[in-house]
Amino acid sequence: MGEAYQARDQEMPCFLTFQVVGWADVFSRKVYRDFVLENLTYFRKEKGLYLFGYVIMTNHIHLVVQQKDGKFSAWVRDFKKFTSKKLLAMILENQQESRKEWLKMIFIYHAKFNKRSGGMQFWTHENHAIELYRHEMTESRVKYIHENPVRAGLVEKPEDYLCSSARNYSGLKGLIEVDYW
């Protein structure tokens, strides 16, 4: 990972992007989105994660998060390791998944370029962590992730996109709870 995208201050709020290898549209399926949401909820309630904002797009996730105990890098590692193993298994075992062979081919292909990946790779290794030193930076990044579905042409207003904390910030019921900045 490049120096410019490493979180040096483990207690600082950060903006992150987790990207599926090959930009594969895994999260176009509700079952996989729901799994990510369940894990964000678990890490928030049980592992000291502040979740200030999120959006789950079809092939990547943006987050604004902070780790309460100052173990930010460990949280990123644990989240990506657990979710990648489980999502790979879910996809390969899903009898209803019509794209199973195509996705498997993508995951195998990208693993060939990383010694740490094993036989298949789900997430890219880059997280593009950006430390958010000021309140204005955090607000700006939360707004950026909320606008992502609008920029993609999926919805007219950020709060119309279900898999985003924009709903929470707009006073609507979100799919999961967030920590307001």
C-alpha atoms as a PDB file:
ATOM      1  CA  MET A   1       0.000   0.000   0.000  1.00  0.00           C
ATOM      2  CA  GLY A   2       1.373   3.422  -0.869  1.00  0.00           C
ATOM      3  CA  GLU A   3       2.529   5.779   1.876  1.00  0.00           C
ATOM      4  CA  ALA A   4      -0.069   8.377   0.893  1.00  0.00           C
ATOM      5  CA  TYR A   5      -2.952   6.083   1.846  1.00  0.00           C
ATOM      6  CA  GLN A   6      -1.821   4.683   5.180  1.00  0.00           C
ATOM      7  CA  ALA A   7      -3.553   5.601   8.410  1.00  0.00           C
ATOM      8  CA  ARG A   8      -0.686   6.648  10.652  1.00  0.00           C
ATOM      9  CA  ASP A   9      -2.849   7.862  13.547  1.00  0.00           C
ATOM     10  CA  GLN A  10      -4.757   4.756  14.638  1.00  0.00           C
ATOM     11  CA  GLU A  11      -7.267   6.833  16.630  1.00  0.00           C
ATOM     12  CA  MET A  12      -8.171   9.295  13.877  1.00  0.00           C
ATOM     13  CA  PRO A  13     -11.452   9.019  11.919  1.00  0.00           C
ATOM     14  CA  CYS A  14     -10.735   7.780   8.392  1.00  0.00           C
ATOM     15  CA  PHE A  15     -12.356   7.622   5.005  1.00  0.00           C
ATOM     16  CA  LEU A  16     -11.938   4.176   3.417  1.00  0.00           C
ATOM     17  CA  THR A  17     -12.788   2.482   0.153  1.00  0.00           C
ATOM     18  CA  PHE A  18     -13.018  -1.306  -0.044  1.00  0.00           C
ATOM     19  CA  GLN A  19     -13.125  -2.398  -3.683  1.00  0.00           C
ATOM     20  CA  VAL A  20     -14.041  -5.824  -5.049  1.00  0.00           C
ATOM     21  CA  VAL A  21     -11.298  -7.167  -7.329  1.00  0.00           C
ATOM     22  CA  GLY A  22     -11.962  -6.603 -11.010  1.00  0.00           C
ATOM     23  CA  TRP A  23     -14.735  -4.171 -10.048  1.00  0.00           C
ATOM     24  CA  ALA A  24     -17.055  -7.207  -9.987  1.00  0.00           C
ATOM     25  CA  ASP A  25     -20.656  -6.207  -9.213  1.00  0.00           C
ATOM     26  CA  VAL A  26     -21.113  -8.501  -6.217  1.00  0.00           C
ATOM     27  CA  PHE A  27     -23.268  -6.139  -4.160  1.00  0.00           C
ATOM     28  CA  SER A  28     -25.953  -5.958  -6.796  1.00  0.00           C
ATOM     29  CA  ARG A  29     -27.311  -8.957  -4.847  1.00  0.00           C
ATOM     30  CA  LYS A  30     -29.139  -8.148  -1.598  1.00  0.00           C
ATOM     31  CA  VAL A  31     -27.817 -11.202   0.254  1.00  0.00           C
ATOM     32  CA  TYR A  32     -24.207 -10.000  -0.063  1.00  0.00           C
ATOM     33  CA  ARG A  33     -25.070  -6.385   0.846  1.00  0.00           C
ATOM     34  CA  ASP A  34     -26.969  -7.590   3.898  1.00  0.00           C
ATOM     35  CA  PHE A  35     -23.970  -9.637   5.006  1.00  0.00           C
ATOM     36  CA  VAL A  36     -21.741  -6.540   4.897  1.00  0.00           C
ATOM     37  CA  LEU A  37     -24.348  -4.541   6.818  1.00  0.00           C
ATOM     38  CA  GLU A  38     -24.561  -7.291   9.469  1.00  0.00           C
ATOM     39  CA  ASN A  39     -20.797  -7.185   9.879  1.00  0.00           C
ATOM     40  CA  LEU A  40     -20.653  -3.411  10.140  1.00  0.00           C
ATOM     41  CA  THR A  41     -23.324  -3.638  12.849  1.00  0.00           C
ATOM     42  CA  TYR A  42     -21.384  -6.370  14.668  1.00  0.00           C
ATOM     43  CA  PHE A  43     -18.088  -4.462  14.583  1.00  0.00           C
ATOM     44  CA  ARG A  44     -19.895  -1.312  15.714  1.00  0.00           C
ATOM     45  CA  LYS A  45     -21.604  -2.993  18.678  1.00  0.00           C
ATOM     46  CA  GLU A  46     -18.958  -5.530  19.704  1.00  0.00           C
ATOM     47  CA  LYS A  47     -15.567  -4.312  18.495  1.00  0.00           C
ATOM     48  CA  GLY A  48     -15.510  -0.589  19.200  1.00  0.00           C
ATOM     49  CA  LEU A  49     -16.125   0.794  15.734  1.00  0.00           C
ATOM     50  CA  TYR A  50     -17.614   4.240  15.224  1.00  0.00           C
ATOM     51  CA  LEU A  51     -19.492   4.164  11.925  1.00  0.00           C
ATOM     52  CA  PHE A  52     -20.086   7.757  10.837  1.00  0.00           C
ATOM     53  CA  GLY A  53     -21.090   7.052   7.262  1.00  0.00           C
ATOM     54  CA  TYR A  54     -21.295   4.319   4.649  1.00  0.00           C
ATOM     55  CA  VAL A  55     -22.475   3.514   1.182  1.00  0.00           C
ATOM     56  CA  ILE A  56     -22.503   0.106  -0.450  1.00  0.00           C
ATOM     57  CA  MET A  57     -22.298   0.395  -4.213  1.00  0.00           C
ATOM     58  CA  THR A  58     -22.375  -2.637  -6.534  1.00  0.00           C
ATOM     59  CA  ASN A  59     -18.603  -3.165  -6.530  1.00  0.00           C
ATOM     60  CA  HIS A  60     -17.176  -1.091  -3.693  1.00  0.00           C
ATOM     61  CA  ILE A  61     -17.903   0.298  -0.257  1.00  0.00           C
ATOM     62  CA  HIS A  62     -17.074   3.730   1.134  1.00  0.00           C
ATOM     63  CA  LEU A  63     -16.859   4.195   4.892  1.00  0.00           C
ATOM     64  CA  VAL A  64     -16.124   6.955   7.357  1.00  0.00           C
ATOM     65  CA  VAL A  65     -15.093   5.140  10.519  1.00  0.00           C
ATOM     66  CA  GLN A  66     -13.012   5.388  13.660  1.00  0.00           C
ATOM     67  CA  GLN A  67     -11.784   2.645  15.956  1.00  0.00           C
ATOM     68  CA  LYS A  68     -12.449   3.423  19.634  1.00  0.00           C
ATOM     69  CA  ASP A  69      -9.429   1.560  21.003  1.00  0.00           C
ATOM     70  CA  GLY A  70      -6.894   2.916  18.527  1.00  0.00           C
ATOM     71  CA  LYS A  71      -6.464  -0.369  16.653  1.00  0.00           C
ATOM     72  CA  PHE A  72      -7.646   0.903  13.298  1.00  0.00           C
ATOM     73  CA  SER A  73      -5.345  -1.193  11.104  1.00  0.00           C
ATOM     74  CA  ALA A  74      -6.299  -4.343  13.027  1.00  0.00           C
ATOM     75  CA  TRP A  75      -9.983  -3.573  12.455  1.00  0.00           C
ATOM     76  CA  VAL A  76      -9.448  -3.106   8.702  1.00  0.00           C
ATOM     77  CA  ARG A  77      -7.502  -6.365   8.531  1.00  0.00           C
ATOM     78  CA  ASP A  78     -10.082  -8.322  10.535  1.00  0.00           C
ATOM     79  CA  PHE A  79     -13.075  -6.905   8.665  1.00  0.00           C
ATOM     80  CA  LYS A  80     -11.619  -7.571   5.229  1.00  0.00           C
ATOM     81  CA  LYS A  81     -10.289 -11.030   6.144  1.00  0.00           C
ATOM     82  CA  PHE A  82     -13.572 -12.232   7.648  1.00  0.00           C
ATOM     83  CA  THR A  83     -15.869 -10.736   5.035  1.00  0.00           C
ATOM     84  CA  SER A  84     -13.758 -11.895   2.094  1.00  0.00           C
ATOM     85  CA  LYS A  85     -13.691 -15.520   3.267  1.00  0.00           C
ATOM     86  CA  LYS A  86     -17.394 -15.571   4.020  1.00  0.00           C
ATOM     87  CA  LEU A  87     -18.464 -13.720   0.849  1.00  0.00           C
ATOM     88  CA  LEU A  88     -16.403 -16.059  -1.328  1.00  0.00           C
ATOM     89  CA  ALA A  89     -18.067 -19.053   0.345  1.00  0.00           C
ATOM     90  CA  MET A  90     -21.523 -17.494   0.055  1.00  0.00           C
ATOM     91  CA  ILE A  91     -21.070 -16.861  -3.668  1.00  0.00           C
ATOM     92  CA  LEU A  92     -19.665 -20.298  -4.444  1.00  0.00           C
ATOM     93  CA  GLU A  93     -22.302 -22.122  -2.379  1.00  0.00           C
ATOM     94  CA  ASN A  94     -25.274 -20.065  -3.570  1.00  0.00           C
ATOM     95  CA  GLN A  95     -27.345 -22.294  -5.862  1.00  0.00           C
ATOM     96  CA  GLN A  96     -29.261 -19.236  -7.090  1.00  0.00           C
ATOM     97  CA  GLU A  97     -26.111 -17.325  -8.124  1.00  0.00           C
ATOM     98  CA  SER A  98     -26.170 -17.288 -11.924  1.00  0.00           C
ATOM     99  CA  ARG A  99     -22.777 -15.541 -12.110  1.00  0.00           C
ATOM    100  CA  LYS A 100     -20.955 -18.045  -9.902  1.00  0.00           C
ATOM    101  CA  GLU A 101     -18.458 -19.319 -12.493  1.00  0.00           C
ATOM    102  CA  TRP A 102     -17.766 -15.867 -13.874  1.00  0.00           C
ATOM    103  CA  LEU A 103     -17.143 -14.433 -10.400  1.00  0.00           C
ATOM    104  CA  LYS A 104     -14.974 -17.401  -9.440  1.00  0.00           C
ATOM    105  CA  MET A 105     -12.852 -16.790 -12.538  1.00  0.00           C
ATOM    106  CA  ILE A 106     -12.362 -13.136 -11.500  1.00  0.00           C
ATOM    107  CA  PHE A 107     -11.431 -14.062  -7.911  1.00  0.00           C
ATOM    108  CA  ILE A 108      -8.920 -16.700  -9.068  1.00  0.00           C
ATOM    109  CA  TYR A 109      -7.392 -14.426 -11.696  1.00  0.00           C
ATOM    110  CA  HIS A 110      -6.729 -11.588  -9.247  1.00  0.00           C
ATOM    111  CA  ALA A 111      -5.322 -13.916  -6.575  1.00  0.00           C
ATOM    112  CA  LYS A 112      -2.512 -14.898  -8.973  1.00  0.00           C
ATOM    113  CA  PHE A 113      -0.981 -11.449  -8.548  1.00  0.00           C
ATOM    114  CA  ASN A 114      -0.900 -11.496  -4.731  1.00  0.00           C
ATOM    115  CA  LYS A 115       1.136 -13.924  -2.667  1.00  0.00           C
ATOM    116  CA  ARG A 116      -1.049 -13.336   0.411  1.00  0.00           C
ATOM    117  CA  SER A 117      -4.361 -14.128  -1.271  1.00  0.00           C
ATOM    118  CA  GLY A 118      -4.348 -17.890  -1.504  1.00  0.00           C
ATOM    119  CA  GLY A 119      -6.436 -19.369  -4.315  1.00  0.00           C
ATOM    120  CA  MET A 120      -9.009 -16.583  -4.551  1.00  0.00           C
ATOM    121  CA  GLN A 121      -9.118 -12.895  -3.697  1.00  0.00           C
ATOM    122  CA  PHE A 122     -12.237 -10.865  -2.966  1.00  0.00           C
ATOM    123  CA  TRP A 123     -11.085  -7.373  -1.911  1.00  0.00           C
ATOM    124  CA  THR A 124      -8.236  -5.405  -3.438  1.00  0.00           C
ATOM    125  CA  HIS A 125      -5.427  -4.797  -0.964  1.00  0.00           C
ATOM    126  CA  GLU A 126      -5.729  -1.025  -1.206  1.00  0.00           C
ATOM    127  CA  ASN A 127      -8.044   0.765   1.204  1.00  0.00           C
ATOM    128  CA  HIS A 128      -7.167   4.339   0.325  1.00  0.00           C
ATOM    129  CA  ALA A 129      -7.365   5.365   3.985  1.00  0.00           C
ATOM    130  CA  ILE A 130      -7.515   9.125   4.368  1.00  0.00           C
ATOM    131  CA  GLU A 131      -7.207  10.511   7.885  1.00  0.00           C
ATOM    132  CA  LEU A 132      -9.836  13.106   8.695  1.00  0.00           C
ATOM    133  CA  TYR A 133      -8.138  15.664  10.941  1.00  0.00           C
ATOM    134  CA  ARG A 134     -10.871  18.274  11.056  1.00  0.00           C
ATOM    135  CA  HIS A 135     -14.631  18.183  11.494  1.00  0.00           C
ATOM    136  CA  GLU A 136     -15.031  19.806   8.060  1.00  0.00           C
ATOM    137  CA  MET A 137     -13.073  16.975   6.422  1.00  0.00           C
ATOM    138  CA  THR A 138     -15.342  14.390   8.008  1.00  0.00           C
ATOM    139  CA  GLU A 139     -18.477  16.239   6.925  1.00  0.00           C
ATOM    140  CA  SER A 140     -17.099  16.548   3.401  1.00  0.00           C
ATOM    141  CA  ARG A 141     -16.327  12.825   3.116  1.00  0.00           C
ATOM    142  CA  VAL A 142     -19.704  11.792   4.543  1.00  0.00           C
ATOM    143  CA  LYS A 143     -21.376  14.059   1.981  1.00  0.00           C
ATOM    144  CA  TYR A 144     -19.152  12.607  -0.764  1.00  0.00           C
ATOM    145  CA  ILE A 145     -20.164   9.019   0.017  1.00  0.00           C
ATOM    146  CA  HIS A 146     -23.838   9.980   0.282  1.00  0.00           C
ATOM    147  CA  GLU A 147     -23.674  11.607  -3.158  1.00  0.00           C
ATOM    148  CA  ASN A 148     -22.034   8.533  -4.737  1.00  0.00           C
ATOM    149  CA  PRO A 149     -25.327   6.868  -5.836  1.00  0.00           C
ATOM    150  CA  VAL A 150     -26.536  10.218  -7.219  1.00  0.00           C
ATOM    151  CA  ARG A 151     -23.340  10.663  -9.263  1.00  0.00           C
ATOM    152  CA  ALA A 152     -23.758   7.084 -10.512  1.00  0.00           C
ATOM    153  CA  GLY A 153     -27.270   7.929 -11.741  1.00  0.00           C
ATOM    154  CA  LEU A 154     -28.968   5.405  -9.451  1.00  0.00           C
ATOM    155  CA  VAL A 155     -31.132   7.873  -7.519  1.00  0.00           C
ATOM    156  CA  GLU A 156     -32.044  11.549  -7.611  1.00  0.00           C
ATOM    157  CA  LYS A 157     -31.483  12.238  -3.915  1.00  0.00           C
ATOM    158  CA  PRO A 158     -28.930  10.591  -1.576  1.00  0.00           C
ATOM    159  CA  GLU A 159     -31.587   9.537   0.935  1.00  0.00           C
ATOM    160  CA  ASP A 160     -33.385   7.517  -1.764  1.00  0.00           C
ATOM    161  CA  TYR A 161     -30.526   5.000  -1.865  1.00  0.00           C
ATOM    162  CA  LEU A 162     -31.246   2.224   0.649  1.00  0.00           C
ATOM    163  CA  CYS A 163     -27.667   1.035   1.267  1.00  0.00           C
ATOM    164  CA  SER A 164     -26.371   4.316   2.604  1.00  0.00           C
ATOM    165  CA  SER A 165     -26.243   6.252   5.837  1.00  0.00           C
ATOM    166  CA  ALA A 166     -27.755   9.200   3.924  1.00  0.00           C
ATOM    167  CA  ARG A 167     -31.122   7.868   5.059  1.00  0.00           C
ATOM    168  CA  ASN A 168     -30.062   8.101   8.724  1.00  0.00           C
ATOM    169  CA  TYR A 169     -28.774  11.649   8.268  1.00  0.00           C
ATOM    170  CA  SER A 170     -32.023  12.655   6.537  1.00  0.00           C
ATOM    171  CA  GLY A 171     -34.169  11.509   9.458  1.00  0.00           C
ATOM    172  CA  LEU A 172     -35.354   8.359   7.652  1.00  0.00           C
ATOM    173  CA  LYS A 173     -34.974   4.827   8.959  1.00  0.00           C
ATOM    174  CA  GLY A 174     -31.640   3.478   7.794  1.00  0.00           C
ATOM    175  CA  LEU A 175     -30.845  -0.185   7.277  1.00  0.00           C
ATOM    176  CA  ILE A 176     -28.372  -0.046  10.184  1.00  0.00           C
ATOM    177  CA  GLU A 177     -27.549   2.412  12.939  1.00  0.00           C
ATOM    178  CA  VAL A 178     -24.732   4.894  12.587  1.00  0.00           C
ATOM    179  CA  ASP A 179     -22.807   7.170  14.911  1.00  0.00           C
ATOM    180  CA  TYR A 180     -23.519  10.773  14.013  1.00  0.00           C
ATOM    181  CA  TRP A 181     -20.515  12.985  13.673  1.00  0.00           C
END
